[in-house]
Amino acid sequence: MQRSRRALVGFGVLIEFLQQGMQLGRQADVLDVAANVVGIGTGMAIAVWRTGGWASKVEAWLGRN
């Protein structure tokens, strides 16, 4: 799950850089990156809370087999 978080945060940072490079009146913003990180954390926390962490359990089980 840690790898997933890192990938999502990396994607959030990447889209900010891509916005800056579009030259269509968009600009990168540190607060947008912070909002992305908060959203990722909130979404993952809700997913684990509402699903009981079943995906992590399945991944752990598959890793053993």
C-alpha atoms as a PDB file:
ATOM      1  CA  MET A   1       0.000   0.000   0.000  1.00  0.00           C
ATOM      2  CA  GLN A   2       2.941   2.291   0.632  1.00  0.00           C
ATOM      3  CA  ARG A   3       3.997   1.939  -3.002  1.00  0.00           C
ATOM      4  CA  SER A   4       0.494   2.885  -4.135  1.00  0.00           C
ATOM      5  CA  ARG A   5       0.559   6.038  -2.035  1.00  0.00           C
ATOM      6  CA  ARG A   6       3.935   7.041  -3.402  1.00  0.00           C
ATOM      7  CA  ALA A   7       2.757   6.469  -6.964  1.00  0.00           C
ATOM      8  CA  LEU A   8      -0.402   8.524  -6.426  1.00  0.00           C
ATOM      9  CA  VAL A   9       1.504  11.376  -4.791  1.00  0.00           C
ATOM     10  CA  GLY A  10       4.016  11.264  -7.636  1.00  0.00           C
ATOM     11  CA  PHE A  11       1.150  11.464 -10.113  1.00  0.00           C
ATOM     12  CA  GLY A  12      -0.291  14.454  -8.238  1.00  0.00           C
ATOM     13  CA  VAL A  13       3.043  16.257  -8.494  1.00  0.00           C
ATOM     14  CA  LEU A  14       3.449  15.244 -12.144  1.00  0.00           C
ATOM     15  CA  ILE A  15       0.104  16.704 -13.193  1.00  0.00           C
ATOM     16  CA  GLU A  16       1.072  20.014 -11.628  1.00  0.00           C
ATOM     17  CA  PHE A  17       4.250  20.124 -13.722  1.00  0.00           C
ATOM     18  CA  LEU A  18       2.283  19.137 -16.814  1.00  0.00           C
ATOM     19  CA  GLN A  19      -0.201  21.952 -16.168  1.00  0.00           C
ATOM     20  CA  GLN A  20       2.678  24.408 -16.081  1.00  0.00           C
ATOM     21  CA  GLY A  21       4.028  23.070 -19.364  1.00  0.00           C
ATOM     22  CA  MET A  22       0.705  23.297 -21.222  1.00  0.00           C
ATOM     23  CA  GLN A  23       1.006  27.070 -21.696  1.00  0.00           C
ATOM     24  CA  LEU A  24      -2.784  27.410 -21.719  1.00  0.00           C
ATOM     25  CA  GLY A  25      -3.100  29.788 -18.807  1.00  0.00           C
ATOM     26  CA  ARG A  26      -2.616  27.055 -16.204  1.00  0.00           C
ATOM     27  CA  GLN A  27       0.132  27.156 -13.631  1.00  0.00           C
ATOM     28  CA  ALA A  28       1.603  24.773 -11.107  1.00  0.00           C
ATOM     29  CA  ASP A  29       0.674  25.483  -7.499  1.00  0.00           C
ATOM     30  CA  VAL A  30       2.097  24.027  -4.299  1.00  0.00           C
ATOM     31  CA  LEU A  31      -1.319  24.270  -2.653  1.00  0.00           C
ATOM     32  CA  ASP A  32      -2.764  22.077  -5.408  1.00  0.00           C
ATOM     33  CA  VAL A  33      -0.109  19.469  -4.641  1.00  0.00           C
ATOM     34  CA  ALA A  34      -1.034  19.673  -0.947  1.00  0.00           C
ATOM     35  CA  ALA A  35      -4.718  19.275  -1.826  1.00  0.00           C
ATOM     36  CA  ASN A  36      -3.856  16.242  -3.976  1.00  0.00           C
ATOM     37  CA  VAL A  37      -1.937  14.647  -1.098  1.00  0.00           C
ATOM     38  CA  VAL A  38      -4.755  15.307   1.377  1.00  0.00           C
ATOM     39  CA  GLY A  39      -7.264  13.861  -1.079  1.00  0.00           C
ATOM     40  CA  ILE A  40      -5.162  10.755  -1.636  1.00  0.00           C
ATOM     41  CA  GLY A  41      -4.779  10.201   2.098  1.00  0.00           C
ATOM     42  CA  THR A  42      -8.467  10.758   2.760  1.00  0.00           C
ATOM     43  CA  GLY A  43      -9.532   8.486  -0.078  1.00  0.00           C
ATOM     44  CA  MET A  44      -7.228   5.687   1.008  1.00  0.00           C
ATOM     45  CA  ALA A  45      -8.297   6.000   4.651  1.00  0.00           C
ATOM     46  CA  ILE A  46     -11.974   5.817   3.690  1.00  0.00           C
ATOM     47  CA  ALA A  47     -11.300   2.859   1.400  1.00  0.00           C
ATOM     48  CA  VAL A  48      -9.565   0.922   4.178  1.00  0.00           C
ATOM     49  CA  TRP A  49     -12.195   1.907   6.745  1.00  0.00           C
ATOM     50  CA  ARG A  50     -15.192   1.054   4.571  1.00  0.00           C
ATOM     51  CA  THR A  51     -13.798  -2.165   3.114  1.00  0.00           C
ATOM     52  CA  GLY A  52     -12.071  -3.486   6.208  1.00  0.00           C
ATOM     53  CA  GLY A  53      -8.753  -3.554   4.377  1.00  0.00           C
ATOM     54  CA  TRP A  54      -9.790  -6.512   2.221  1.00  0.00           C
ATOM     55  CA  ALA A  55      -7.535  -5.504  -0.675  1.00  0.00           C
ATOM     56  CA  SER A  56      -4.447  -5.506   1.560  1.00  0.00           C
ATOM     57  CA  LYS A  57      -5.440  -8.907   2.929  1.00  0.00           C
ATOM     58  CA  VAL A  58      -5.867 -10.316  -0.586  1.00  0.00           C
ATOM     59  CA  GLU A  59      -2.506  -8.901  -1.665  1.00  0.00           C
ATOM     60  CA  ALA A  60      -0.811 -10.418   1.388  1.00  0.00           C
ATOM     61  CA  TRP A  61      -2.489 -13.761   0.717  1.00  0.00           C
ATOM     62  CA  LEU A  62      -1.479 -13.721  -2.950  1.00  0.00           C
ATOM     63  CA  GLY A  63       2.079 -12.820  -1.977  1.00  0.00           C
ATOM     64  CA  ARG A  64       2.327 -15.954   0.158  1.00  0.00           C
ATOM     65  CA  ASN A  65       1.133 -18.278  -2.605  1.00  0.00           C
END
